[in-house]
Amino acid sequence: MFWFFCAALVIIVGLAILTPVWRTRGDNGAETAAGFDLQVYRDQLREVERDLTRGVISAEEAERLRREIGRKVLEADRRAGEESPAARRNSAGWIGAVLALALLLGGAVWLYEREGVPGMPDLPLAERIAAAEAAYDSRPSQTEAEAAAPVPDRGEIDADYAALIEELRAAVAKTPDDPQGLALLSMHETRLGNLEAAITAQRHLIEVKGPDATAYDHLMLVSQLIEAAGGLITPEAEDELARALQLEPQSAQGRYMLGLLQAQNGRPDRAFPIWRDLLEEGPADAPWIAPIRAAIPDLAWLAGQPDYTPPKTAMPALPGPDADAVAAAEGMSEEEREQMISGMVQQLESRLATEGGSPEEWARLISALVVQGRADHAGEIWGEAQTRFAAQPEALEVVRKAATEAGLAE
């Protein structure tokens, strides 16, 4: 069917290009008109000779007619000489049109051979769904995905921070069932990039809590598994995601990951309604909004919703000092002004740690800490941001830019 439509389009395009040229050639008719005139004059000369033989006209009248027709023949011959260049130009135009059509079709074939898939058979919707299901069933395991994932470069670790982590590990080893110690160890191992240790600690934390484990606990483990697998949601991560959504079906972070799972496995028809609802619900500064907004136009088209228009929700301005604070700062000493700025940075850090925030706010916190000369702590925040946004490449890129400018990442 595909090649049938291609052939039909070739014929239509060829006719569209050649028909005007053909009409111009026919309308010009230079050679046809000259030949027709000469033929008429020859017939008139033969008619004069017949009339003379039958005695219808005299010899003098016949001679007069011959001279008159002869002048017309000469005039027609002169006009034929003038019309011949126009006919040649018309023929050249016809040849040029044919060459242009040949180049156009040849270029199309070359481009399709280079960029297209000539051997690809028709793929009806049922077959696409079947292929997506097959890809879903054949996903690599967590172990296989981790083995294939690139090893991230975490940079150097501050010696004091490394010493504190060693103390934390020793404390957890003494009290391995302490939920608070396990939660801290899981978080800090993730920051350090020790994802295997972080996953082990998080799994044990969930086991210790038992039925009291929260959706956040499971989602934390999902994020670690995804990051360790290079961004892929493996069957093991999906199982944890299902547990989180069972505990909290309306979890925005869990629904975002569910939409990502469907998108990764060739089901944009399932991913689109999930992400559409999240985008419309907001809030606009939620960390999943930016990656959804970037991907949803293509996702909507693939899901059969080409007319979908994302809501035009303006991103809120990042928090900062109000007019009164700015006015008060003008009368402060340098030390007081630094204390005010440090308080604002601390307030932002506390809010991001407890409530989360947009990637722009994480980027701002990293930049502010570097300006304050706290590059080591900024590196810790960068490590935590990588965990938080592991399943959101577009959002992570915003934070990565700030970390790169601060010399914390490459």
Protein backbone atom coordinates (compact mmCIF):
# COMPACT_ATOMS: atom_id res chain seq x y z
CA MET A 1 0.00 0.00 0.00
CA PHE A 2 2.87 2.37 0.82
CA TRP A 3 4.48 1.91 -2.59
CA PHE A 4 1.10 2.31 -4.29
CA PHE A 5 0.70 5.73 -2.73
CA CYS A 6 4.29 6.60 -3.62
CA ALA A 7 3.68 5.70 -7.28
CA ALA A 8 0.45 7.72 -7.33
CA LEU A 9 2.25 10.74 -5.87
CA VAL A 10 5.03 10.43 -8.46
CA ILE A 11 2.48 10.41 -11.30
CA ILE A 12 0.60 13.39 -9.85
CA VAL A 13 3.78 15.43 -9.34
CA GLY A 14 5.02 14.54 -12.83
CA LEU A 15 1.76 15.64 -14.44
CA ALA A 16 1.74 18.83 -12.38
CA ILE A 17 5.22 19.72 -13.64
CA LEU A 18 4.91 18.62 -17.30
CA THR A 19 1.33 19.62 -18.16
CA PRO A 20 1.95 23.41 -18.22
CA VAL A 21 5.03 22.89 -20.39
CA TRP A 22 3.12 20.65 -22.75
CA ARG A 23 0.32 23.17 -23.02
CA THR A 24 2.78 25.94 -23.76
CA ARG A 25 4.33 23.87 -26.50
CA GLY A 26 0.96 23.07 -28.03
CA ASP A 27 -0.29 26.63 -27.77
CA ASN A 28 2.88 27.98 -29.36
CA GLY A 29 2.51 25.63 -32.37
CA ALA A 30 5.26 27.40 -34.34
CA GLU A 31 6.24 24.58 -36.65
CA THR A 32 2.65 23.40 -37.14
CA ALA A 33 1.37 26.85 -38.23
CA ALA A 34 4.18 27.40 -40.77
CA GLY A 35 3.73 23.97 -42.30
CA PHE A 36 -0.04 24.43 -42.50
CA ASP A 37 0.31 27.76 -44.40
CA LEU A 38 2.76 26.29 -46.90
CA GLN A 39 0.49 23.31 -47.50
CA VAL A 40 -2.45 25.62 -48.22
CA TYR A 41 -0.43 27.63 -50.74
CA ARG A 42 0.71 24.45 -52.51
CA ASP A 43 -2.89 23.34 -52.79
CA GLN A 44 -3.80 26.76 -54.26
CA LEU A 45 -1.06 26.43 -56.90
CA ARG A 46 -2.34 22.99 -57.88
CA GLU A 47 -5.87 24.39 -58.09
CA VAL A 48 -4.65 27.16 -60.46
CA GLU A 49 -3.06 24.57 -62.74
CA ARG A 50 -6.25 22.51 -62.80
CA ASP A 51 -8.37 25.58 -63.63
CA LEU A 52 -5.97 26.53 -66.42
CA THR A 53 -6.14 23.00 -67.90
CA ARG A 54 -9.94 22.98 -67.84
CA GLY A 55 -10.00 26.42 -69.44
CA VAL A 56 -11.73 28.04 -66.51
CA ILE A 57 -9.10 30.82 -66.38
CA SER A 58 -6.88 32.36 -69.01
CA ALA A 59 -3.10 32.06 -69.17
CA GLU A 60 -2.71 35.69 -68.04
CA GLU A 61 -4.97 35.14 -65.00
CA ALA A 62 -3.09 31.95 -64.13
CA GLU A 63 0.24 33.81 -64.26
CA ARG A 64 -1.11 36.57 -62.03
CA LEU A 65 -2.35 34.03 -59.48
CA ARG A 66 0.98 32.20 -59.53
CA ARG A 67 2.85 35.43 -58.76
CA GLU A 68 0.43 36.30 -55.92
CA ILE A 69 0.59 32.84 -54.37
CA GLY A 70 4.37 32.84 -54.78
CA ARG A 71 4.63 36.04 -52.73
CA LYS A 72 2.54 34.36 -50.01
CA VAL A 73 4.81 31.33 -50.07
CA LEU A 74 7.87 33.52 -49.59
CA GLU A 75 6.18 35.38 -46.76
CA ALA A 76 5.19 32.10 -45.09
CA ASP A 77 8.72 30.79 -45.47
CA ARG A 78 10.08 33.98 -43.87
CA ARG A 79 7.68 33.62 -40.95
CA ALA A 80 8.66 29.97 -40.53
CA GLY A 81 12.29 31.04 -40.20
CA GLU A 82 11.35 33.49 -37.43
CA GLU A 83 9.16 30.99 -35.62
CA SER A 84 11.71 28.15 -35.56
CA PRO A 85 13.85 29.65 -32.68
CA ALA A 86 10.70 29.92 -30.54
CA ALA A 87 9.95 26.29 -31.22
CA ARG A 88 13.50 25.37 -30.29
CA ARG A 89 13.18 27.37 -27.09
CA ASN A 90 9.95 25.56 -26.31
CA SER A 91 11.64 22.22 -26.92
CA ALA A 92 14.49 23.27 -24.62
CA GLY A 93 11.93 24.18 -21.94
CA TRP A 94 10.31 20.78 -22.33
CA ILE A 95 13.67 19.02 -21.96
CA GLY A 96 14.53 21.16 -18.91
CA ALA A 97 11.23 20.27 -17.26
CA VAL A 98 11.85 16.57 -17.84
CA LEU A 99 15.36 16.86 -16.40
CA ALA A 100 14.06 18.78 -13.36
CA LEU A 101 11.46 16.09 -12.75
CA ALA A 102 14.09 13.37 -13.06
CA LEU A 103 16.38 15.16 -10.59
CA LEU A 104 13.50 15.67 -8.17
CA LEU A 105 12.47 12.03 -8.23
CA GLY A 106 16.07 10.81 -8.12
CA GLY A 107 16.79 13.04 -5.13
CA ALA A 108 13.70 11.76 -3.34
CA VAL A 109 14.74 8.15 -3.91
CA TRP A 110 18.29 8.89 -2.70
CA LEU A 111 17.02 10.66 0.41
CA TYR A 112 14.66 7.82 1.25
CA GLU A 113 17.42 5.25 0.77
CA ARG A 114 19.66 7.28 3.08
CA GLU A 115 17.20 8.35 5.82
CA GLY A 116 14.26 5.98 5.40
CA VAL A 117 13.73 2.29 5.94
CA PRO A 118 12.96 0.81 2.48
CA GLY A 119 12.43 -2.70 3.79
CA MET A 120 10.09 -1.71 6.61
CA PRO A 121 6.73 -3.49 6.20
CA ASP A 122 3.36 -1.94 7.02
CA LEU A 123 2.88 -1.70 10.79
CA PRO A 124 -0.80 -1.61 11.78
CA LEU A 125 -1.80 -0.47 15.26
CA ALA A 126 -2.28 -4.02 16.52
CA GLU A 127 1.23 -4.96 15.46
CA ARG A 128 2.68 -1.83 17.07
CA ILE A 129 1.01 -2.69 20.36
CA ALA A 130 2.26 -6.26 20.09
CA ALA A 131 5.80 -5.00 19.43
CA ALA A 132 5.57 -2.67 22.44
CA GLU A 133 4.41 -5.54 24.63
CA ALA A 134 7.27 -7.69 23.38
CA ALA A 135 9.78 -4.93 24.17
CA TYR A 136 8.20 -4.49 27.60
CA ASP A 137 8.47 -8.21 28.35
CA SER A 138 12.08 -8.39 27.16
CA ARG A 139 13.43 -5.52 29.25
CA PRO A 140 16.79 -6.16 30.88
CA SER A 141 16.84 -7.00 34.56
CA GLN A 142 18.20 -4.56 37.12
CA THR A 143 21.51 -6.42 37.19
CA GLU A 144 21.83 -6.36 33.40
CA ALA A 145 20.87 -2.69 33.16
CA GLU A 146 23.37 -1.71 35.86
CA ALA A 147 26.12 -3.60 34.08
CA ALA A 148 25.40 -1.71 30.85
CA ALA A 149 24.95 1.72 32.46
CA PRO A 150 27.84 4.22 32.33
CA VAL A 151 29.65 4.92 35.57
CA PRO A 152 29.01 8.55 36.61
CA ASP A 153 31.93 10.73 37.59
CA ARG A 154 31.23 12.01 41.11
CA GLY A 155 34.46 13.93 41.51
CA GLU A 156 36.53 14.14 44.67
CA ILE A 157 34.96 13.75 48.11
CA ASP A 158 35.71 16.17 50.91
CA ALA A 159 37.84 14.46 53.54
CA ASP A 160 35.72 15.68 56.47
CA TYR A 161 32.54 14.58 54.77
CA ALA A 162 34.06 11.16 53.98
CA ALA A 163 35.02 10.77 57.64
CA LEU A 164 31.47 11.55 58.75
CA ILE A 165 30.09 8.95 56.32
CA GLU A 166 32.48 6.35 57.74
CA GLU A 167 31.17 7.12 61.21
CA LEU A 168 27.60 6.80 59.93
CA ARG A 169 28.38 3.43 58.37
CA ALA A 170 29.91 2.22 61.60
CA ALA A 171 26.88 3.40 63.59
CA VAL A 172 24.47 1.63 61.24
CA ALA A 173 26.57 -1.52 61.42
CA LYS A 174 26.13 -1.49 65.22
CA THR A 175 22.37 -0.86 65.03
CA PRO A 176 21.40 -2.25 61.61
CA ASP A 177 17.68 -2.00 62.26
CA ASP A 178 17.59 1.70 63.18
CA PRO A 179 15.25 3.35 60.62
CA GLN A 180 16.72 6.82 61.06
CA GLY A 181 20.27 5.60 60.58
CA LEU A 182 19.30 3.57 57.52
CA ALA A 183 17.48 6.56 55.98
CA LEU A 184 20.51 8.81 56.50
CA LEU A 185 22.89 6.17 55.17
CA SER A 186 20.73 5.60 52.08
CA MET A 187 20.60 9.33 51.34
CA HIS A 188 24.31 9.97 51.82
CA GLU A 189 25.43 6.88 49.92
CA THR A 190 23.29 8.13 47.05
CA ARG A 191 24.97 11.53 47.24
CA LEU A 192 28.36 9.85 47.06
CA GLY A 193 27.31 7.80 44.06
CA ASN A 194 27.56 4.51 45.96
CA LEU A 195 24.26 3.37 44.54
CA GLU A 196 24.72 -0.29 45.39
CA ALA A 197 25.18 0.57 49.06
CA ALA A 198 22.34 3.10 48.90
CA ILE A 199 19.96 0.55 47.40
CA THR A 200 20.93 -2.03 50.02
CA ALA A 201 20.29 0.45 52.82
CA GLN A 202 16.97 1.57 51.35
CA ARG A 203 15.76 -2.00 50.86
CA HIS A 204 16.64 -2.84 54.45
CA LEU A 205 14.89 0.33 55.63
CA ILE A 206 11.69 -0.80 53.90
CA GLU A 207 12.06 -4.27 55.45
CA VAL A 208 12.54 -2.79 58.92
CA LYS A 209 9.52 -0.52 58.60
CA GLY A 210 7.39 -3.31 57.22
CA PRO A 211 3.77 -2.18 56.84
CA ASP A 212 4.77 1.29 58.05
CA ALA A 213 6.94 1.90 54.99
CA THR A 214 5.64 4.95 53.12
CA ALA A 215 5.16 5.63 49.46
CA TYR A 216 8.13 8.00 49.69
CA ASP A 217 10.33 5.15 50.95
CA HIS A 218 9.44 3.05 47.92
CA LEU A 219 9.81 5.99 45.52
CA MET A 220 13.25 6.72 46.95
CA LEU A 221 14.23 3.16 46.14
CA VAL A 222 12.71 3.50 42.65
CA SER A 223 14.81 6.62 42.00
CA GLN A 224 17.97 4.83 43.11
CA LEU A 225 17.22 1.82 40.93
CA ILE A 226 16.53 4.04 37.92
CA GLU A 227 19.75 5.99 38.37
CA ALA A 228 21.76 2.80 38.80
CA ALA A 229 20.18 1.41 35.61
CA GLY A 230 21.15 4.46 33.57
CA GLY A 231 17.63 5.93 33.48
CA LEU A 232 15.80 2.71 32.56
CA ILE A 233 12.82 1.54 34.62
CA THR A 234 13.50 -2.16 35.05
CA PRO A 235 10.99 -4.80 36.21
CA GLU A 236 12.42 -4.56 39.73
CA ALA A 237 11.94 -0.77 39.77
CA GLU A 238 8.45 -1.19 38.37
CA ASP A 239 7.52 -3.52 41.22
CA GLU A 240 8.60 -0.91 43.76
CA LEU A 241 6.72 1.76 41.84
CA ALA A 242 3.57 -0.35 41.96
CA ARG A 243 3.90 -0.65 45.76
CA ALA A 244 4.33 3.11 46.09
CA LEU A 245 1.26 3.84 43.98
CA GLN A 246 -0.73 1.27 45.90
CA LEU A 247 0.05 3.19 49.09
CA GLU A 248 -0.49 6.61 47.50
CA PRO A 249 -2.33 6.39 44.15
CA GLN A 250 -2.27 10.17 43.60
CA SER A 251 1.45 10.58 44.22
CA ALA A 252 2.61 13.02 41.56
CA GLN A 253 6.16 11.67 41.55
CA GLY A 254 4.89 8.11 41.26
CA ARG A 255 2.54 9.00 38.41
CA TYR A 256 5.35 10.78 36.60
CA MET A 257 7.47 7.64 36.81
CA LEU A 258 4.51 5.54 35.64
CA GLY A 259 4.16 7.78 32.58
CA LEU A 260 7.90 7.50 31.98
CA LEU A 261 7.61 3.71 32.14
CA GLN A 262 4.89 3.72 29.48
CA ALA A 263 6.85 6.13 27.26
CA GLN A 264 10.00 4.01 27.52
CA ASN A 265 8.09 0.93 26.39
CA GLY A 266 6.45 2.36 23.27
CA ARG A 267 3.03 3.19 24.70
CA PRO A 268 2.59 6.95 24.22
CA ASP A 269 -1.19 6.39 24.26
CA ARG A 270 -0.89 5.42 27.93
CA ALA A 271 1.83 7.89 28.91
CA PHE A 272 0.10 10.93 27.41
CA PRO A 273 -3.03 11.05 29.64
CA ILE A 274 -0.90 10.55 32.77
CA TRP A 275 1.49 13.38 31.95
CA ARG A 276 -1.29 15.60 30.62
CA ASP A 277 -3.09 15.40 33.97
CA LEU A 278 0.12 16.10 35.90
CA LEU A 279 0.85 19.11 33.70
CA GLU A 280 -2.63 20.51 34.20
CA GLU A 281 -2.64 19.85 37.95
CA GLY A 282 0.73 21.52 38.59
CA PRO A 283 2.09 23.17 40.60
CA ALA A 284 4.14 24.97 37.99
CA ASP A 285 7.36 24.71 40.02
CA ALA A 286 7.12 20.94 40.55
CA PRO A 287 10.33 19.22 39.37
CA TRP A 288 8.45 16.98 36.90
CA ILE A 289 6.68 19.85 35.11
CA ALA A 290 9.69 20.99 33.06
CA PRO A 291 10.47 17.57 31.50
CA ILE A 292 6.77 16.90 30.87
CA ARG A 293 6.29 20.26 29.16
CA ALA A 294 9.32 19.62 26.94
CA ALA A 295 8.19 16.15 25.87
CA ILE A 296 4.41 16.34 25.73
CA PRO A 297 3.97 17.89 22.23
CA ASP A 298 5.71 14.92 20.60
CA LEU A 299 4.04 12.53 23.01
CA ALA A 300 0.61 13.94 22.15
CA TRP A 301 1.27 13.52 18.43
CA LEU A 302 2.37 9.91 18.91
CA ALA A 303 -0.70 9.28 21.06
CA GLY A 304 -3.03 10.48 18.29
CA GLN A 305 -3.73 13.89 19.84
CA PRO A 306 -1.97 16.29 17.41
CA ASP A 307 -4.26 19.20 18.33
CA TYR A 308 -3.38 19.11 22.04
CA THR A 309 -2.20 22.45 23.41
CA PRO A 310 -0.35 22.43 26.76
CA PRO A 311 -1.70 24.85 29.38
CA LYS A 312 0.10 28.17 29.32
CA THR A 313 1.09 28.32 32.95
CA ALA A 314 3.84 30.79 33.70
CA MET A 315 6.61 29.51 35.91
CA PRO A 316 6.63 31.37 39.22
CA ALA A 317 9.56 33.60 39.96
CA LEU A 318 12.21 32.12 42.18
CA PRO A 319 11.93 33.28 45.79
CA GLY A 320 14.11 36.19 46.72
CA PRO A 321 14.17 39.27 48.91
CA ASP A 322 11.11 41.49 48.78
CA ALA A 323 11.20 45.28 48.50
CA ASP A 324 11.32 45.77 52.27
CA ALA A 325 14.25 43.39 52.62
CA VAL A 326 16.13 45.16 49.85
CA ALA A 327 15.52 48.52 51.47
CA ALA A 328 16.66 47.20 54.84
CA ALA A 329 19.80 45.72 53.31
CA GLU A 330 20.91 49.14 52.11
CA GLY A 331 21.44 50.27 55.71
CA MET A 332 23.21 47.08 56.84
CA SER A 333 26.88 46.58 57.36
CA GLU A 334 28.72 44.11 55.15
CA GLU A 335 28.63 41.49 57.90
CA GLU A 336 24.91 41.94 58.50
CA ARG A 337 24.22 41.75 54.78
CA GLU A 338 26.16 38.48 54.53
CA GLN A 339 24.19 37.07 57.45
CA MET A 340 20.93 37.99 55.75
CA ILE A 341 22.02 36.30 52.52
CA SER A 342 23.16 33.21 54.43
CA GLY A 343 19.76 33.04 56.10
CA MET A 344 18.00 33.19 52.75
CA VAL A 345 20.25 30.45 51.34
CA GLN A 346 19.62 28.30 54.42
CA GLN A 347 15.88 28.86 54.10
CA LEU A 348 15.96 27.79 50.44
CA GLU A 349 18.03 24.71 51.27
CA SER A 350 15.65 23.69 54.06
CA ARG A 351 12.62 24.05 51.84
CA LEU A 352 14.19 22.02 49.03
CA ALA A 353 15.16 19.29 51.49
CA THR A 354 11.69 19.00 53.00
CA GLU A 355 9.30 20.02 50.23
CA GLY A 356 11.32 19.70 47.05
CA GLY A 357 11.41 22.34 44.35
CA SER A 358 12.03 23.13 40.71
CA PRO A 359 15.37 22.39 39.02
CA GLU A 360 15.91 26.15 38.69
CA GLU A 361 15.81 26.47 42.50
CA TRP A 362 18.31 23.64 42.95
CA ALA A 363 20.57 25.33 40.42
CA ARG A 364 20.24 28.62 42.27
CA LEU A 365 21.13 26.99 45.58
CA ILE A 366 24.28 25.43 44.11
CA SER A 367 25.38 28.77 42.62
CA ALA A 368 24.69 30.61 45.89
CA LEU A 369 26.71 28.12 47.95
CA VAL A 370 29.68 28.43 45.60
CA VAL A 371 29.53 32.23 45.83
CA GLN A 372 29.61 31.88 49.62
CA GLY A 373 32.76 29.79 49.35
CA ARG A 374 30.99 26.56 50.33
CA ALA A 375 31.89 24.58 47.21
CA ASP A 376 32.12 21.30 49.14
CA HIS A 377 28.57 21.64 50.38
CA ALA A 378 27.46 22.70 46.90
CA GLY A 379 28.93 19.40 45.67
CA GLU A 380 26.79 17.54 48.18
CA ILE A 381 23.70 19.37 46.96
CA TRP A 382 24.65 18.53 43.37
CA GLY A 383 24.88 14.87 44.34
CA GLU A 384 21.44 14.96 45.97
CA ALA A 385 19.98 16.76 42.94
CA GLN A 386 21.27 13.98 40.69
CA THR A 387 19.31 11.51 42.76
CA ARG A 388 16.15 13.59 42.85
CA PHE A 389 16.15 14.23 39.12
CA ALA A 390 17.60 10.91 37.97
CA ALA A 391 14.42 10.03 36.10
CA GLN A 392 14.04 13.53 34.64
CA PRO A 393 16.91 14.17 32.19
CA GLU A 394 15.66 17.61 31.11
CA ALA A 395 15.34 18.84 34.71
CA LEU A 396 18.70 17.34 35.65
CA GLU A 397 20.33 19.21 32.75
CA VAL A 398 19.19 22.54 34.27
CA VAL A 399 20.96 21.71 37.54
CA ARG A 400 23.95 20.25 35.71
CA LYS A 401 24.49 23.55 33.92
CA ALA A 402 24.80 25.38 37.24
CA ALA A 403 27.10 22.67 38.61
CA THR A 404 29.28 22.87 35.50
CA GLU A 405 29.56 26.66 35.78
CA ALA A 406 30.55 26.18 39.42
CA GLY A 407 33.24 23.67 38.49
CA LEU A 408 31.45 20.75 40.14
CA ALA A 409 30.69 18.83 36.95
CA GLU A 410 32.03 18.54 33.42
